[in-house]
Each structure stands twice: as C-alpha cells, then as structure tokens.
Amino acid sequence: MPHLFAFALMVVICAASVGLAVMQRALSLAVLASIGGYLAPVMLSTGSGDHVGLFSYYLLISVGILAISVWQSWRVLNLIGFAFTFGIATLWGANNYQPRILSLLSAIPDC
C-alpha cells in the first residue's frame, strides 16, 4: 500500500474515531482507538527508520486527542497520548538517532 494512501486512510480513521467517541461520549472507544493508533507503527514497522513519517503519524493521533479534549475532559486520554509519544520518541532516539540528522536540520536557512 503506498504511504500517501495509508496516511490519508489513517486521517479518515482518526476523524471517524474522534467523531464517534465524542458523539457517544465513549471514553473506552477513545482510549482503544488511541492505543491502537500508537501501537500500529510499532507492530507494523519495516525497520526503515523513517522518523519523519513516524512522527507525522503520531502528530495526527495527537491532533485527534486534542480535538476530543475540546469537547470532553478525559484526562486519561491526554496521559496516554503523552506517554506513548514520549516513550516512542525516547526509544527511537536511543536506537536510531544519528548526529547527521541534527546537522541536516541546522543547514536549513532561517526564513
């Protein structure tokens, strides 16, 4: 499946999960959708080390959690989002970080 199509499909699934969780006031649906969303790239990883794709995907899930928090104050959902994002970022940094990545970012001119 092409990456762009998969990303678009995840946008639709994330939006549907947010909508259903808010309309049904179902914390359990929101928690299961979030945990499943955060674990999907971990379980389906190809080992390519595409950090831009990974963190773009996690940004999408975090925006979904932000959208839910506008209508519902489910603190546990915010904690799940923080824990998974911080945990995966820490694991990625420990296993895949290379100093050349930072040097590539510093070579980008300021706008």
Protein backbone atom coordinates (compact mmCIF):
# COMPACT_ATOMS: atom_id res chain seq x y z
CA MET A 1 0.00 0.00 0.00
CA PRO A 2 1.50 3.41 -0.88
CA HIS A 3 2.48 5.57 2.10
CA LEU A 4 0.40 8.56 0.99
CA PHE A 5 -2.73 6.42 0.64
CA ALA A 6 -2.11 4.81 4.04
CA PHE A 7 -1.64 8.23 5.65
CA ALA A 8 -4.88 9.51 4.07
CA LEU A 9 -6.69 6.40 5.26
CA MET A 10 -5.40 6.99 8.79
CA VAL A 11 -6.71 10.58 8.66
CA VAL A 12 -10.17 9.21 7.85
CA ILE A 13 -9.98 6.55 10.57
CA CYS A 14 -8.73 9.09 13.13
CA ALA A 15 -11.52 11.54 12.26
CA ALA A 16 -14.15 8.79 12.48
CA SER A 17 -12.84 7.62 15.85
CA VAL A 18 -12.83 11.17 17.22
CA GLY A 19 -16.35 11.77 15.95
CA LEU A 20 -17.74 8.53 17.34
CA ALA A 21 -16.02 8.93 20.72
CA VAL A 22 -17.35 12.46 21.16
CA MET A 23 -20.88 11.72 19.92
CA GLN A 24 -21.22 8.59 22.05
CA ARG A 25 -19.27 10.09 24.99
CA ALA A 26 -17.35 6.82 24.98
CA LEU A 27 -14.06 7.11 26.81
CA SER A 28 -13.35 3.42 26.16
CA LEU A 29 -13.61 3.94 22.38
CA ALA A 30 -11.27 6.91 22.54
CA VAL A 31 -8.74 5.02 24.67
CA LEU A 32 -8.80 1.90 22.46
CA ALA A 33 -8.52 3.97 19.27
CA SER A 34 -5.58 5.92 20.69
CA ILE A 35 -3.70 2.90 21.98
CA GLY A 36 -4.28 1.03 18.72
CA GLY A 37 -3.17 4.06 16.75
CA TYR A 38 0.03 4.48 18.74
CA LEU A 39 0.90 0.78 18.58
CA ALA A 40 0.18 0.31 14.85
CA PRO A 41 3.54 1.64 13.56
CA VAL A 42 5.42 -0.29 16.23
CA MET A 43 3.77 -3.58 15.31
CA LEU A 44 3.92 -2.98 11.53
CA SER A 45 7.40 -1.50 11.37
CA THR A 46 9.55 -2.38 8.38
CA GLY A 47 12.70 -1.19 10.14
CA SER A 48 13.26 1.59 7.60
CA GLY A 49 13.81 4.20 10.32
CA ASP A 50 11.59 6.82 8.63
CA HIS A 51 11.38 9.22 11.56
CA VAL A 52 9.54 11.92 9.59
CA GLY A 53 6.74 9.53 8.68
CA LEU A 54 6.56 8.11 12.20
CA PHE A 55 6.32 11.44 13.96
CA SER A 56 3.94 12.84 11.33
CA TYR A 57 1.69 9.90 12.05
CA TYR A 58 1.96 10.49 15.81
CA LEU A 59 1.18 14.17 15.24
CA LEU A 60 -2.04 13.10 13.53
CA ILE A 61 -3.05 10.97 16.51
CA SER A 62 -2.18 13.80 18.92
CA VAL A 63 -4.34 16.21 16.92
CA GLY A 64 -7.18 13.70 17.25
CA ILE A 65 -6.69 13.64 21.02
CA LEU A 66 -6.63 17.45 21.02
CA ALA A 67 -9.91 17.51 19.08
CA ILE A 68 -11.51 15.16 21.60
CA SER A 69 -10.27 17.27 24.51
CA VAL A 70 -12.13 20.29 23.13
CA TRP A 71 -15.45 18.54 23.84
CA GLN A 72 -14.59 16.04 26.59
CA SER A 73 -12.21 16.43 29.50
CA TRP A 74 -10.82 12.92 29.63
CA ARG A 75 -7.50 13.29 31.42
CA VAL A 76 -6.54 9.65 30.89
CA LEU A 77 -6.59 10.20 27.12
CA ASN A 78 -4.13 13.09 27.42
CA LEU A 79 -1.86 10.96 29.60
CA ILE A 80 -1.96 8.09 27.08
CA GLY A 81 -1.00 10.47 24.28
CA PHE A 82 1.88 11.91 26.28
CA ALA A 83 3.15 8.54 27.47
CA PHE A 84 3.15 6.92 24.03
CA THR A 85 4.64 9.93 22.23
CA PHE A 86 7.37 10.39 24.83
CA GLY A 87 8.05 6.66 25.10
CA ILE A 88 8.30 6.04 21.35
CA ALA A 89 10.38 9.20 20.83
CA THR A 90 12.76 8.07 23.56
CA LEU A 91 13.06 4.57 22.08
CA TRP A 92 13.59 5.98 18.59
CA GLY A 93 16.21 8.40 19.89
CA ALA A 94 18.06 5.68 21.76
CA ASN A 95 18.07 3.26 18.83
CA ASN A 96 18.07 5.30 15.62
CA TYR A 97 19.33 8.84 16.27
CA GLN A 98 22.36 9.85 14.21
CA PRO A 99 24.20 13.18 14.60
CA ARG A 100 23.93 13.85 10.85
CA ILE A 101 20.16 14.28 11.27
CA LEU A 102 20.74 17.30 13.50
CA SER A 103 23.37 18.71 11.15
CA LEU A 104 20.88 18.46 8.26
CA LEU A 105 18.36 20.46 10.26
CA SER A 106 20.88 23.16 11.16
CA ALA A 107 21.77 23.58 7.46
CA ILE A 108 18.22 24.78 6.67
CA PRO A 109 18.30 28.58 6.28
CA ASP A 110 16.08 30.70 8.51
CA CYS A 111 13.04 32.18 6.81
